[in-house]
Amino acid sequence: MKKFILTALSFLLIFFTAMPSLQPHAAKANSKYAVGEYDLPFTILKDTSDEPSMTNDYIKSPAKLIVEQNGEMHVVMTLNNSSWWQYLKVQTTQPGSFQDNNFVDATVISEDKASDTRVVTFKVQDIEQVLNAKIHVIVPMIHYDNKYDIRFQFDASGIPLAPEPEPEPEIIADGEYTIGFRALHAEEEKDSAMGRYIDQPATLSVNNGKKQIKFVLKDHQAITGFQVEKDGQYVDATVVSVNEEANTRVVAFDVERLDSIIHSKVQVHVPAQNYTGNHIVRLSFDKGSMKVKPKEDENEEKPGEENPSEEQPGEEQPGEEQPGEEKPGEEKPGEEQPGEEQPGEEQPGEEQPGEEKPGAPNPDTEKIDPRNLKDGEYSIDYSVLKKESDELSMMNDYVVKPGSLKVKDGKKYLAVTLKKSSWITEFKVEKDGKLMAPKLLQSDEEADTRTVEFEVADLSSLLNAWVKVDIPELHYHNEYDIRFSFDTDSIKLLKEGVYPKEDNNATLPPKSNDQKPKANDKNDRLNFDRNGDKTGKSIDQPQLKADQKGMNPKTADTTKMLLFALLFVLSLVPLIARFRSRRHLQ
């Protein structure tokens, strides 16, 4: 019995000793940022390098950052091509490793099947650290099935910080004190040369909790102004007294707290050196040096105390020590002369309101005849069709609508903006029975677009075109015959100057030398993509190998399958004949 009691007591001792360590640790919420909802730009990086991942093209940026009252942060982002995304998993720890088993699915908020987008959200601990994620993408039309490791790098520079907690009240009994201070350089942690022109110590007056600083400025004649910062602006300090004979001035200003740096601006003018300048001085007060000021202080300069006939021995004469020791001339008046922007540079009348050029169409009154368009700029809607049918080509999703139409000297020119410009390595339009490369007007590498221009002879007729698509990351190389169909009823007159202007710095994407299959209208597919930063093996590896060898990379043609099926059936003929002959013999 005694042994049992001792064992039980030992167990209880161990249990209650271990209990504190078994308590779950509450995650500390990051309360660094202010509560609210903000735009959060981001970049998606590859798993093992800081190169951008192609996944950037399939998640809208910026995302939304929601900072809760409890300090928790949630990121909300929109996935493009939602039907391709099988999952998006984010790591619950930062920093973390892709080998860890702590990735959770992002929560789906909404999904729009019409636009093929999905809005998801996930919790993030620290937006200043990289967040690991795993994704799974399937593109059925090209038999593409892959899983990738990616990293989110957020840009928190635009997120406001949480306000600092209110400081404890600075309570100082009413009265007058002396207090020491330092006059610091505007940017560096060192004494400013202007400090020698401010007498030590300062006087602190406290009345009903309000604090006021007074100090004596030496060389009253050279120091023409003294200002202190208040609510983000510099305001003049109050002049208490001036002693012309001593060449000093007493100034006063209110302070909220003595433990905060106070910015001041000192204006200096030294006629003898033809110097005028402004000097920023930071005032730092030493609360530890505070002493109650005696009721009668012979050193204090009384207001109105001026004695022209009295000359103090050893007094610092005006001009003996000029405040120019802090590099006079650093801020010379006139360096930024008013009037450098001469009036008249933008002459009134260059663009008169209501001015209308003779013969130019008026957007408000002009009736548009598609068959007889006057010179001007218009917008026009259009569709991109397949080669041999009136079905929309997948290329229809990779152009910006409406297009810009310009009529000049009776000729019609259409400007079209191509999306995914890096994929569309070649684009040609038929002219006089031949496919010709259009004129390049503009390009935007960041947006991955380019704007091209080509002549359209007849807007009421279909216009043949050809496009080549190359996606090296997917070993995908294809070309398509397409047709442009113009909606002449949609033509609208635009103001002059809207039509895209030619940029001489515009560039075309590099052409691909990879083998490309013959265009096939039935397999008009452009709606695909993936990046080159995959980490796992493809689930559909045989198909990718076939693509790499050029074996039916485009159509998944059944010709070879039919051939094999026919050979199989023919191989059965001798067997069937032999089987029937045996039965006959029996």
Foldseek 3Di string as FASTA:
>chain_A
DVVVVVVVVVVVVVVVVCVVVPDDDDDQAAQFFAADKDFKFKFKAFDPDRDGWPQCVFKDPGWMWGQDPSRWIKTKIKGAQQVFWPFKWWAPDPPDDPPDPGTDTWAWDDADVVRNMTMTMDTDRDLQGKIKMKTWTADPLQRFTAIFIMIMRIDCPPTHTHDDPDDDADDDDFAKKWWQKAWAAPPDGDGDLLRVQKDPIWMWGADPRWIKIKTKGAQLVFFVFKWWDDPRDTDGFAWQAAAVQLNMTMTMDTDRDLQDKIKMKTWGQDVVVRFTDIGIIIMHIDPVRIDGDDPDDPPDDHHPDYDNVDHDPPRDDRPPDGSCPNPTPPPGPPPDPPCPVPPCPPPPPPDDPPDDDPPDDDQVPDDDDLVQGGFAKKWWQKFKAADPDRHGFQQRVFKDPTWMWGADPNWIKTKIKGAQQLFFQAKFWDDPRDTDGFAWAAADVVRNMTITMDTDPHLQDKTKMKTWGDDVLLLDTEMGIIIMHIDSVRMGGDDPPPHGGHDPPHDHHHDDPDDYDDHDRVQRDDPDDGTNSRDDDIPPNVSSVCSNVVNCSGDPDCVVVVVVVVVVVVVCVVVVVVVVVVVVVD
